[in-house]
């Protein structure tokens, strides 16, 4: 159970720097991927880094200095969440990079037809990133990484959910399904209540919410922001997500990235005034 007042008095600002969709401000660009900057007290935590180019351009457009990060957190080891990591490390020598140990493993995606699986893992070698100054903190545990900020670590798959069959990892016989055991999220204790920040939710929305609330000893979440992977799942998964979001009394849902237009439309229709799109340029204050 967490300290329920660990960060309750801290103003928290989350700015979406990379997403598949972009806001109206001139100069911002969309990119398949996700990155969000968390600012609270002295912390400047970058959660995911997109593929790289959009992170650099959008940060500059928004006047955000990427050389003052206190840490970088990776939700998992796919290129569209980690491609900008080397740039961030280069700009912040000695910065701590928090991730599940398997985020650094090889990850592949099956191609249509007979083509060989395509590598979709982190595009840079660990040795290069460490040479440039990265200090990896790899953990499977639910762990407070800063005051009022918890990294979920491994999320148990207690409830069935749709698995993306395109995703594979190397095995002795060639390739086997990738369960994305490195999928992780962040829980933030804010003035408005607890906020859950998702990268891609490969572990399943219900699994993540149930696990996080159980570990934290809480029964509600003020907000859920980020990717849900519902865009690659049957419609029944969206309805199941709605049920668990209601179970934990979510007051604000701000989906992004891999949620997809169809599920986003269903979620918006259901949550109405409790719904807001998280896209490049969006700013949330809690």
C-alpha atoms as a PDB file:
ATOM      1  CA  UNK A   1       0.000   0.000   0.000  1.00  0.00           C
ATOM      2  CA  UNK A   2       1.284   3.464  -0.870  1.00  0.00           C
ATOM      3  CA  UNK A   3       1.526   6.561   1.301  1.00  0.00           C
ATOM      4  CA  UNK A   4      -1.766   8.192   0.312  1.00  0.00           C
ATOM      5  CA  UNK A   5      -0.447  11.697   0.979  1.00  0.00           C
ATOM      6  CA  UNK A   6       2.920  11.174  -0.723  1.00  0.00           C
ATOM      7  CA  UNK A   7       2.366  13.768  -3.422  1.00  0.00           C
ATOM      8  CA  UNK A   8      -1.133  15.081  -2.769  1.00  0.00           C
ATOM      9  CA  UNK A   9      -0.112  18.753  -2.430  1.00  0.00           C
ATOM     10  CA  UNK A  10       2.002  18.817  -5.589  1.00  0.00           C
ATOM     11  CA  UNK A  11       0.630  20.468  -8.719  1.00  0.00           C
ATOM     12  CA  UNK A  12       1.071  18.024 -11.590  1.00  0.00           C
ATOM     13  CA  UNK A  13       1.213  19.079 -15.235  1.00  0.00           C
ATOM     14  CA  UNK A  14       1.253  16.510 -18.053  1.00  0.00           C
ATOM     15  CA  UNK A  15       2.048  17.690 -21.591  1.00  0.00           C
ATOM     16  CA  UNK A  16       1.621  15.325 -24.535  1.00  0.00           C
ATOM     17  CA  UNK A  17       4.696  15.659 -26.766  1.00  0.00           C
ATOM     18  CA  UNK A  18       4.194  12.697 -29.118  1.00  0.00           C
ATOM     19  CA  UNK A  19       0.979  11.098 -30.308  1.00  0.00           C
ATOM     20  CA  UNK A  20      -0.702   9.833 -33.475  1.00  0.00           C
ATOM     21  CA  UNK A  21      -2.894  12.939 -33.439  1.00  0.00           C
ATOM     22  CA  UNK A  22      -1.984  16.588 -33.136  1.00  0.00           C
ATOM     23  CA  UNK A  23      -3.620  19.684 -31.706  1.00  0.00           C
ATOM     24  CA  UNK A  24      -4.276  22.940 -33.581  1.00  0.00           C
ATOM     25  CA  UNK A  25      -1.130  24.840 -32.575  1.00  0.00           C
ATOM     26  CA  UNK A  26       1.028  25.633 -35.636  1.00  0.00           C
ATOM     27  CA  UNK A  27       4.313  23.771 -35.932  1.00  0.00           C
ATOM     28  CA  UNK A  28       3.294  20.623 -34.061  1.00  0.00           C
ATOM     29  CA  UNK A  29       3.544  17.262 -35.836  1.00  0.00           C
ATOM     30  CA  UNK A  30       1.893  13.893 -35.328  1.00  0.00           C
ATOM     31  CA  UNK A  31       3.812  10.626 -35.193  1.00  0.00           C
ATOM     32  CA  UNK A  32       2.888   7.022 -34.471  1.00  0.00           C
ATOM     33  CA  UNK A  33       4.084   6.806 -30.895  1.00  0.00           C
ATOM     34  CA  UNK A  34       3.731   8.369 -27.483  1.00  0.00           C
ATOM     35  CA  UNK A  35       5.599  10.663 -25.109  1.00  0.00           C
ATOM     36  CA  UNK A  36       4.398  12.776 -22.198  1.00  0.00           C
ATOM     37  CA  UNK A  37       6.278  15.205 -19.972  1.00  0.00           C
ATOM     38  CA  UNK A  38       5.337  15.160 -16.281  1.00  0.00           C
ATOM     39  CA  UNK A  39       6.194  18.305 -14.322  1.00  0.00           C
ATOM     40  CA  UNK A  40       5.688  18.407 -10.560  1.00  0.00           C
ATOM     41  CA  UNK A  41       7.791  20.344  -8.057  1.00  0.00           C
ATOM     42  CA  UNK A  42      11.414  19.673  -9.066  1.00  0.00           C
ATOM     43  CA  UNK A  43      10.571  16.632 -11.164  1.00  0.00           C
ATOM     44  CA  UNK A  44      10.606  16.694 -14.971  1.00  0.00           C
ATOM     45  CA  UNK A  45       9.880  13.099 -15.890  1.00  0.00           C
ATOM     46  CA  UNK A  46       9.593  12.084 -19.533  1.00  0.00           C
ATOM     47  CA  UNK A  47       7.291   9.094 -19.929  1.00  0.00           C
ATOM     48  CA  UNK A  48       8.221   7.463 -23.245  1.00  0.00           C
ATOM     49  CA  UNK A  49      10.038   9.220 -26.085  1.00  0.00           C
ATOM     50  CA  UNK A  50       8.140   8.484 -29.308  1.00  0.00           C
ATOM     51  CA  UNK A  51      10.189   7.555 -32.357  1.00  0.00           C
ATOM     52  CA  UNK A  52      12.424  10.602 -31.914  1.00  0.00           C
ATOM     53  CA  UNK A  53      11.844  13.262 -34.609  1.00  0.00           C
ATOM     54  CA  UNK A  54       8.435  14.419 -33.364  1.00  0.00           C
ATOM     55  CA  UNK A  55       9.653  14.619 -29.763  1.00  0.00           C
ATOM     56  CA  UNK A  56      12.456  16.999 -30.692  1.00  0.00           C
ATOM     57  CA  UNK A  57      10.329  19.194 -32.966  1.00  0.00           C
ATOM     58  CA  UNK A  58       7.267  19.368 -30.730  1.00  0.00           C
ATOM     59  CA  UNK A  59       9.296  20.129 -27.613  1.00  0.00           C
ATOM     60  CA  UNK A  60      10.986  23.004 -29.445  1.00  0.00           C
ATOM     61  CA  UNK A  61       7.646  24.302 -30.751  1.00  0.00           C
ATOM     62  CA  UNK A  62       6.165  24.236 -27.256  1.00  0.00           C
ATOM     63  CA  UNK A  63       9.230  25.843 -25.695  1.00  0.00           C
ATOM     64  CA  UNK A  64      10.076  22.757 -23.641  1.00  0.00           C
ATOM     65  CA  UNK A  65      13.741  22.193 -22.797  1.00  0.00           C
ATOM     66  CA  UNK A  66      14.581  18.490 -23.049  1.00  0.00           C
ATOM     67  CA  UNK A  67      17.995  19.042 -21.415  1.00  0.00           C
ATOM     68  CA  UNK A  68      16.529  19.452 -17.914  1.00  0.00           C
ATOM     69  CA  UNK A  69      14.933  16.032 -17.415  1.00  0.00           C
ATOM     70  CA  UNK A  70      15.226  14.429 -13.981  1.00  0.00           C
ATOM     71  CA  UNK A  71      14.393  10.949 -15.303  1.00  0.00           C
ATOM     72  CA  UNK A  72      13.021   9.045 -18.278  1.00  0.00           C
ATOM     73  CA  UNK A  73      10.485   6.221 -17.846  1.00  0.00           C
ATOM     74  CA  UNK A  74       9.796   3.650 -20.560  1.00  0.00           C
ATOM     75  CA  UNK A  75       6.390   1.978 -20.687  1.00  0.00           C
ATOM     76  CA  UNK A  76       7.871  -0.876 -22.750  1.00  0.00           C
ATOM     77  CA  UNK A  77      10.563  -1.583 -25.309  1.00  0.00           C
ATOM     78  CA  UNK A  78       8.909  -0.766 -28.654  1.00  0.00           C
ATOM     79  CA  UNK A  79      10.518   1.717 -31.047  1.00  0.00           C
ATOM     80  CA  UNK A  80       7.553   4.105 -31.073  1.00  0.00           C
ATOM     81  CA  UNK A  81       8.017   4.658 -27.338  1.00  0.00           C
ATOM     82  CA  UNK A  82      11.820   4.544 -27.163  1.00  0.00           C
ATOM     83  CA  UNK A  83      13.195   5.990 -30.414  1.00  0.00           C
ATOM     84  CA  UNK A  84      13.956   9.375 -28.837  1.00  0.00           C
ATOM     85  CA  UNK A  85      15.741   7.887 -25.835  1.00  0.00           C
ATOM     86  CA  UNK A  86      19.268   8.359 -27.174  1.00  0.00           C
ATOM     87  CA  UNK A  87      18.611  12.053 -27.819  1.00  0.00           C
ATOM     88  CA  UNK A  88      17.302  12.483 -24.263  1.00  0.00           C
ATOM     89  CA  UNK A  89      20.284  10.682 -22.773  1.00  0.00           C
ATOM     90  CA  UNK A  90      22.694  12.769 -24.843  1.00  0.00           C
ATOM     91  CA  UNK A  91      20.983  15.934 -23.606  1.00  0.00           C
ATOM     92  CA  UNK A  92      20.945  14.719 -19.979  1.00  0.00           C
ATOM     93  CA  UNK A  93      24.165  12.814 -19.199  1.00  0.00           C
ATOM     94  CA  UNK A  94      23.697  10.633 -16.132  1.00  0.00           C
ATOM     95  CA  UNK A  95      19.897  10.653 -16.354  1.00  0.00           C
ATOM     96  CA  UNK A  96      18.102   7.688 -14.785  1.00  0.00           C
ATOM     97  CA  UNK A  97      16.097   5.560 -17.221  1.00  0.00           C
ATOM     98  CA  UNK A  98      13.430   3.470 -15.469  1.00  0.00           C
ATOM     99  CA  UNK A  99      12.064   0.400 -17.239  1.00  0.00           C
ATOM    100  CA  UNK A 100      11.179  -3.265 -16.876  1.00  0.00           C
ATOM    101  CA  UNK A 101      14.272  -5.442 -17.565  1.00  0.00           C
ATOM    102  CA  UNK A 102      12.642  -7.030 -20.623  1.00  0.00           C
ATOM    103  CA  UNK A 103      12.184  -3.634 -22.264  1.00  0.00           C
ATOM    104  CA  UNK A 104      15.764  -4.034 -23.476  1.00  0.00           C
ATOM    105  CA  UNK A 105      15.065  -7.423 -25.090  1.00  0.00           C
ATOM    106  CA  UNK A 106      14.441  -8.008 -28.796  1.00  0.00           C
ATOM    107  CA  UNK A 107      10.878  -7.432 -30.004  1.00  0.00           C
ATOM    108  CA  UNK A 108       9.488  -8.196 -33.465  1.00  0.00           C
ATOM    109  CA  UNK A 109       6.266  -7.840 -35.474  1.00  0.00           C
ATOM    110  CA  UNK A 110       5.037 -10.324 -38.065  1.00  0.00           C
ATOM    111  CA  UNK A 111       4.670  -8.903 -41.578  1.00  0.00           C
ATOM    112  CA  UNK A 112       1.897  -9.561 -44.061  1.00  0.00           C
ATOM    113  CA  UNK A 113       2.741 -12.367 -46.478  1.00  0.00           C
ATOM    114  CA  UNK A 114       5.945 -14.340 -46.140  1.00  0.00           C
ATOM    115  CA  UNK A 115       8.285 -11.539 -45.093  1.00  0.00           C
ATOM    116  CA  UNK A 116      10.593 -11.960 -42.115  1.00  0.00           C
ATOM    117  CA  UNK A 117       9.414 -10.453 -38.836  1.00  0.00           C
ATOM    118  CA  UNK A 118      10.402  -6.804 -38.460  1.00  0.00           C
ATOM    119  CA  UNK A 119      12.394  -5.588 -35.475  1.00  0.00           C
ATOM    120  CA  UNK A 120      10.321  -3.109 -33.433  1.00  0.00           C
ATOM    121  CA  UNK A 121      12.451  -2.944 -30.298  1.00  0.00           C
ATOM    122  CA  UNK A 122      14.597  -0.115 -28.945  1.00  0.00           C
ATOM    123  CA  UNK A 123      16.601   1.104 -31.955  1.00  0.00           C
ATOM    124  CA  UNK A 124      19.807   1.719 -29.994  1.00  0.00           C
ATOM    125  CA  UNK A 125      22.093  -0.701 -28.164  1.00  0.00           C
ATOM    126  CA  UNK A 126      22.225  -0.485 -24.384  1.00  0.00           C
ATOM    127  CA  UNK A 127      26.000  -0.060 -24.517  1.00  0.00           C
ATOM    128  CA  UNK A 128      25.682   3.034 -26.708  1.00  0.00           C
ATOM    129  CA  UNK A 129      23.041   4.573 -24.473  1.00  0.00           C
ATOM    130  CA  UNK A 130      25.130   3.933 -21.375  1.00  0.00           C
ATOM    131  CA  UNK A 131      28.183   5.355 -23.135  1.00  0.00           C
ATOM    132  CA  UNK A 132      26.158   8.524 -23.739  1.00  0.00           C
ATOM    133  CA  UNK A 133      25.273   8.673 -20.042  1.00  0.00           C
ATOM    134  CA  UNK A 134      22.157   6.585 -19.444  1.00  0.00           C
ATOM    135  CA  UNK A 135      21.870   5.046 -15.989  1.00  0.00           C
ATOM    136  CA  UNK A 136      19.349   2.238 -16.263  1.00  0.00           C
ATOM    137  CA  UNK A 137      17.175   1.359 -13.304  1.00  0.00           C
ATOM    138  CA  UNK A 138      15.500  -1.895 -14.333  1.00  0.00           C
ATOM    139  CA  UNK A 139      12.800  -3.300 -12.086  1.00  0.00           C
ATOM    140  CA  UNK A 140       9.814  -5.630 -12.201  1.00  0.00           C
ATOM    141  CA  UNK A 141       8.439  -4.212  -8.959  1.00  0.00           C
ATOM    142  CA  UNK A 142       5.729  -1.708  -8.104  1.00  0.00           C
ATOM    143  CA  UNK A 143       8.064   1.023  -6.917  1.00  0.00           C
ATOM    144  CA  UNK A 144       7.956   4.688  -5.918  1.00  0.00           C
ATOM    145  CA  UNK A 145      10.506   6.329  -8.222  1.00  0.00           C
ATOM    146  CA  UNK A 146       9.913   9.881  -6.983  1.00  0.00           C
ATOM    147  CA  UNK A 147       7.664  11.456  -4.376  1.00  0.00           C
ATOM    148  CA  UNK A 148       4.111  10.473  -5.284  1.00  0.00           C
ATOM    149  CA  UNK A 149       5.119   8.720  -8.519  1.00  0.00           C
ATOM    150  CA  UNK A 150       4.964   4.925  -8.807  1.00  0.00           C
ATOM    151  CA  UNK A 151       6.246   2.713 -11.607  1.00  0.00           C
ATOM    152  CA  UNK A 152       4.002  -0.340 -11.882  1.00  0.00           C
ATOM    153  CA  UNK A 153       6.632  -2.835 -12.971  1.00  0.00           C
ATOM    154  CA  UNK A 154       5.238  -6.147 -14.215  1.00  0.00           C
ATOM    155  CA  UNK A 155       1.434  -6.264 -14.340  1.00  0.00           C
ATOM    156  CA  UNK A 156      -0.015  -9.777 -13.792  1.00  0.00           C
ATOM    157  CA  UNK A 157      -2.459 -10.962 -16.446  1.00  0.00           C
ATOM    158  CA  UNK A 158      -5.174 -12.010 -13.998  1.00  0.00           C
ATOM    159  CA  UNK A 159      -7.992 -11.274 -16.450  1.00  0.00           C
ATOM    160  CA  UNK A 160      -8.140 -12.399 -20.067  1.00  0.00           C
ATOM    161  CA  UNK A 161      -7.726  -9.755 -22.756  1.00  0.00           C
ATOM    162  CA  UNK A 162      -7.075  -9.621 -26.471  1.00  0.00           C
ATOM    163  CA  UNK A 163      -3.425 -10.193 -27.335  1.00  0.00           C
ATOM    164  CA  UNK A 164      -1.872  -8.690 -30.436  1.00  0.00           C
ATOM    165  CA  UNK A 165      -0.914 -11.785 -32.416  1.00  0.00           C
ATOM    166  CA  UNK A 166       1.431  -9.814 -34.663  1.00  0.00           C
ATOM    167  CA  UNK A 167       3.933  -9.327 -31.842  1.00  0.00           C
ATOM    168  CA  UNK A 168       6.611 -11.986 -31.372  1.00  0.00           C
ATOM    169  CA  UNK A 169       9.995 -12.598 -29.773  1.00  0.00           C
ATOM    170  CA  UNK A 170      12.827 -14.924 -30.800  1.00  0.00           C
ATOM    171  CA  UNK A 171      12.681 -18.521 -29.573  1.00  0.00           C
ATOM    172  CA  UNK A 172      14.671 -21.713 -30.090  1.00  0.00           C
ATOM    173  CA  UNK A 173      12.282 -22.706 -32.882  1.00  0.00           C
ATOM    174  CA  UNK A 174      12.131 -19.292 -34.531  1.00  0.00           C
ATOM    175  CA  UNK A 175       9.553 -16.988 -32.960  1.00  0.00           C
ATOM    176  CA  UNK A 176       6.905 -17.206 -30.253  1.00  0.00           C
ATOM    177  CA  UNK A 177       4.148 -14.803 -29.089  1.00  0.00           C
ATOM    178  CA  UNK A 178       5.418 -11.771 -27.218  1.00  0.00           C
ATOM    179  CA  UNK A 179       3.416 -11.322 -24.027  1.00  0.00           C
ATOM    180  CA  UNK A 180       4.953  -7.843 -23.590  1.00  0.00           C
ATOM    181  CA  UNK A 181       5.870  -8.599 -19.995  1.00  0.00           C
ATOM    182  CA  UNK A 182       7.734  -5.280 -19.950  1.00  0.00           C
ATOM    183  CA  UNK A 183       4.494  -3.278 -20.283  1.00  0.00           C
ATOM    184  CA  UNK A 184       4.335  -0.780 -17.402  1.00  0.00           C
ATOM    185  CA  UNK A 185       2.492   2.390 -16.422  1.00  0.00           C
ATOM    186  CA  UNK A 186       2.824   5.257 -13.941  1.00  0.00           C
ATOM    187  CA  UNK A 187       0.583   6.113 -10.989  1.00  0.00           C
ATOM    188  CA  UNK A 188       0.675   9.745  -9.842  1.00  0.00           C
ATOM    189  CA  UNK A 189      -0.668  11.100  -6.559  1.00  0.00           C
ATOM    190  CA  UNK A 190      -1.947  14.603  -7.365  1.00  0.00           C
ATOM    191  CA  UNK A 191      -4.027  17.386  -5.832  1.00  0.00           C
ATOM    192  CA  UNK A 192      -7.021  16.081  -7.803  1.00  0.00           C
ATOM    193  CA  UNK A 193      -6.515  12.443  -6.827  1.00  0.00           C
ATOM    194  CA  UNK A 194      -4.697   9.508  -8.369  1.00  0.00           C
ATOM    195  CA  UNK A 195      -3.846   9.701 -12.068  1.00  0.00           C
ATOM    196  CA  UNK A 196      -2.845   6.657 -14.124  1.00  0.00           C
ATOM    197  CA  UNK A 197      -0.603   7.277 -17.138  1.00  0.00           C
ATOM    198  CA  UNK A 198      -0.570   4.489 -19.728  1.00  0.00           C
ATOM    199  CA  UNK A 199       1.917   3.919 -22.536  1.00  0.00           C
ATOM    200  CA  UNK A 200       0.238   1.209 -24.608  1.00  0.00           C
ATOM    201  CA  UNK A 201      -1.611  -0.951 -22.054  1.00  0.00           C
ATOM    202  CA  UNK A 202      -0.402  -4.204 -23.605  1.00  0.00           C
ATOM    203  CA  UNK A 203      -1.166  -5.856 -20.250  1.00  0.00           C
ATOM    204  CA  UNK A 204      -4.858  -5.025 -20.728  1.00  0.00           C
ATOM    205  CA  UNK A 205      -6.759  -2.075 -19.284  1.00  0.00           C
ATOM    206  CA  UNK A 206      -8.562  -4.149 -16.656  1.00  0.00           C
ATOM    207  CA  UNK A 207      -5.403  -5.927 -15.544  1.00  0.00           C
ATOM    208  CA  UNK A 208      -3.581  -2.619 -15.127  1.00  0.00           C
ATOM    209  CA  UNK A 209      -6.334  -0.828 -13.210  1.00  0.00           C
ATOM    210  CA  UNK A 210      -7.069  -3.784 -10.936  1.00  0.00           C
ATOM    211  CA  UNK A 211      -3.378  -4.320 -10.169  1.00  0.00           C
ATOM    212  CA  UNK A 212      -2.503  -0.679  -9.590  1.00  0.00           C
ATOM    213  CA  UNK A 213      -5.454  -0.028  -7.308  1.00  0.00           C
ATOM    214  CA  UNK A 214      -4.786  -3.213  -5.362  1.00  0.00           C
ATOM    215  CA  UNK A 215      -1.104  -2.353  -4.873  1.00  0.00           C
ATOM    216  CA  UNK A 216      -1.907   1.234  -3.931  1.00  0.00           C
ATOM    217  CA  UNK A 217      -4.786   0.295  -1.644  1.00  0.00           C
ATOM    218  CA  UNK A 218      -7.195   2.651  -3.418  1.00  0.00           C
ATOM    219  CA  UNK A 219     -10.641   2.153  -4.937  1.00  0.00           C
ATOM    220  CA  UNK A 220     -10.840   5.051  -7.385  1.00  0.00           C
ATOM    221  CA  UNK A 221      -8.802   6.928  -9.957  1.00  0.00           C
ATOM    222  CA  UNK A 222      -9.339  10.547 -10.833  1.00  0.00           C
ATOM    223  CA  UNK A 223      -7.958  10.222 -14.360  1.00  0.00           C
ATOM    224  CA  UNK A 224      -6.586   7.733 -16.876  1.00  0.00           C
ATOM    225  CA  UNK A 225      -4.422   9.211 -19.636  1.00  0.00           C
ATOM    226  CA  UNK A 226      -2.601   7.520 -22.525  1.00  0.00           C
ATOM    227  CA  UNK A 227      -2.634   4.556 -24.879  1.00  0.00           C
ATOM    228  CA  UNK A 228      -5.075   1.689 -24.354  1.00  0.00           C
ATOM    229  CA  UNK A 229      -4.306  -0.583 -27.366  1.00  0.00           C
ATOM    230  CA  UNK A 230      -8.043  -0.886 -27.914  1.00  0.00           C
ATOM    231  CA  UNK A 231      -7.512   0.001 -31.561  1.00  0.00           C
ATOM    232  CA  UNK A 232      -6.156  -3.511 -32.121  1.00  0.00           C
ATOM    233  CA  UNK A 233      -8.861  -5.317 -30.141  1.00  0.00           C
ATOM    234  CA  UNK A 234     -12.470  -6.398 -30.774  1.00  0.00           C
ATOM    235  CA  UNK A 235     -15.215  -3.993 -29.748  1.00  0.00           C
ATOM    236  CA  UNK A 236     -16.000  -6.158 -26.719  1.00  0.00           C
ATOM    237  CA  UNK A 237     -12.667  -5.044 -25.214  1.00  0.00           C
ATOM    238  CA  UNK A 238     -13.774  -1.414 -25.377  1.00  0.00           C
ATOM    239  CA  UNK A 239     -16.972  -2.229 -23.504  1.00  0.00           C
ATOM    240  CA  UNK A 240     -14.950  -4.179 -20.936  1.00  0.00           C
ATOM    241  CA  UNK A 241     -12.660  -1.169 -20.526  1.00  0.00           C
ATOM    242  CA  UNK A 242     -15.674   1.085 -19.952  1.00  0.00           C
ATOM    243  CA  UNK A 243     -16.860  -1.249 -17.197  1.00  0.00           C
ATOM    244  CA  UNK A 244     -13.570  -1.223 -15.318  1.00  0.00           C
ATOM    245  CA  UNK A 245     -13.151   2.547 -15.747  1.00  0.00           C
ATOM    246  CA  UNK A 246     -16.569   2.968 -14.132  1.00  0.00           C
ATOM    247  CA  UNK A 247     -15.665   0.431 -11.448  1.00  0.00           C
ATOM    248  CA  UNK A 248     -12.853   2.747 -10.334  1.00  0.00           C
ATOM    249  CA  UNK A 249     -14.958   5.906 -10.712  1.00  0.00           C
ATOM    250  CA  UNK A 250     -12.684   7.534 -13.315  1.00  0.00           C
ATOM    251  CA  UNK A 251     -13.607  11.208 -13.632  1.00  0.00           C
ATOM    252  CA  UNK A 252     -11.468  11.971 -16.689  1.00  0.00           C
ATOM    253  CA  UNK A 253     -10.538   9.639 -19.531  1.00  0.00           C
ATOM    254  CA  UNK A 254      -7.986  10.963 -22.020  1.00  0.00           C
ATOM    255  CA  UNK A 255      -7.044   8.193 -24.468  1.00  0.00           C
ATOM    256  CA  UNK A 256      -4.162   8.468 -26.897  1.00  0.00           C
ATOM    257  CA  UNK A 257      -1.931   6.692 -29.416  1.00  0.00           C
ATOM    258  CA  UNK A 258      -3.050   3.078 -29.959  1.00  0.00           C
ATOM    259  CA  UNK A 259      -6.641   3.603 -28.789  1.00  0.00           C
ATOM    260  CA  UNK A 260      -7.741   4.121 -32.391  1.00  0.00           C
ATOM    261  CA  UNK A 261     -10.579   6.233 -33.847  1.00  0.00           C
ATOM    262  CA  UNK A 262     -13.314   3.599 -33.463  1.00  0.00           C
ATOM    263  CA  UNK A 263     -12.782   2.864 -29.758  1.00  0.00           C
ATOM    264  CA  UNK A 264     -12.142   6.571 -29.107  1.00  0.00           C
ATOM    265  CA  UNK A 265     -15.544   7.379 -30.599  1.00  0.00           C
ATOM    266  CA  UNK A 266     -17.271   4.809 -28.395  1.00  0.00           C
ATOM    267  CA  UNK A 267     -15.446   6.062 -25.303  1.00  0.00           C
ATOM    268  CA  UNK A 268     -16.305   9.679 -26.088  1.00  0.00           C
ATOM    269  CA  UNK A 269     -19.961   8.821 -26.624  1.00  0.00           C
ATOM    270  CA  UNK A 270     -20.106   7.045 -23.273  1.00  0.00           C
ATOM    271  CA  UNK A 271     -18.017   9.359 -21.059  1.00  0.00           C
ATOM    272  CA  UNK A 272     -19.095  12.621 -22.736  1.00  0.00           C
ATOM    273  CA  UNK A 273     -17.951  15.509 -20.494  1.00  0.00           C
ATOM    274  CA  UNK A 274     -15.540  13.130 -18.738  1.00  0.00           C
ATOM    275  CA  UNK A 275     -13.749  12.494 -22.032  1.00  0.00           C
ATOM    276  CA  UNK A 276     -10.864  14.487 -23.496  1.00  0.00           C
ATOM    277  CA  UNK A 277      -8.464  13.543 -26.261  1.00  0.00           C
ATOM    278  CA  UNK A 278      -4.791  13.348 -25.343  1.00  0.00           C
ATOM    279  CA  UNK A 279      -2.985  14.533 -28.468  1.00  0.00           C
ATOM    280  CA  UNK A 280       0.183  16.462 -29.247  1.00  0.00           C
ATOM    281  CA  UNK A 281      -0.030  19.793 -27.424  1.00  0.00           C
ATOM    282  CA  UNK A 282      -2.625  18.692 -24.871  1.00  0.00           C
ATOM    283  CA  UNK A 283      -1.889  19.857 -21.330  1.00  0.00           C
ATOM    284  CA  UNK A 284      -3.500  18.353 -18.235  1.00  0.00           C
ATOM    285  CA  UNK A 285      -3.198  19.864 -14.781  1.00  0.00           C
ATOM    286  CA  UNK A 286      -4.127  17.948 -11.649  1.00  0.00           C
END
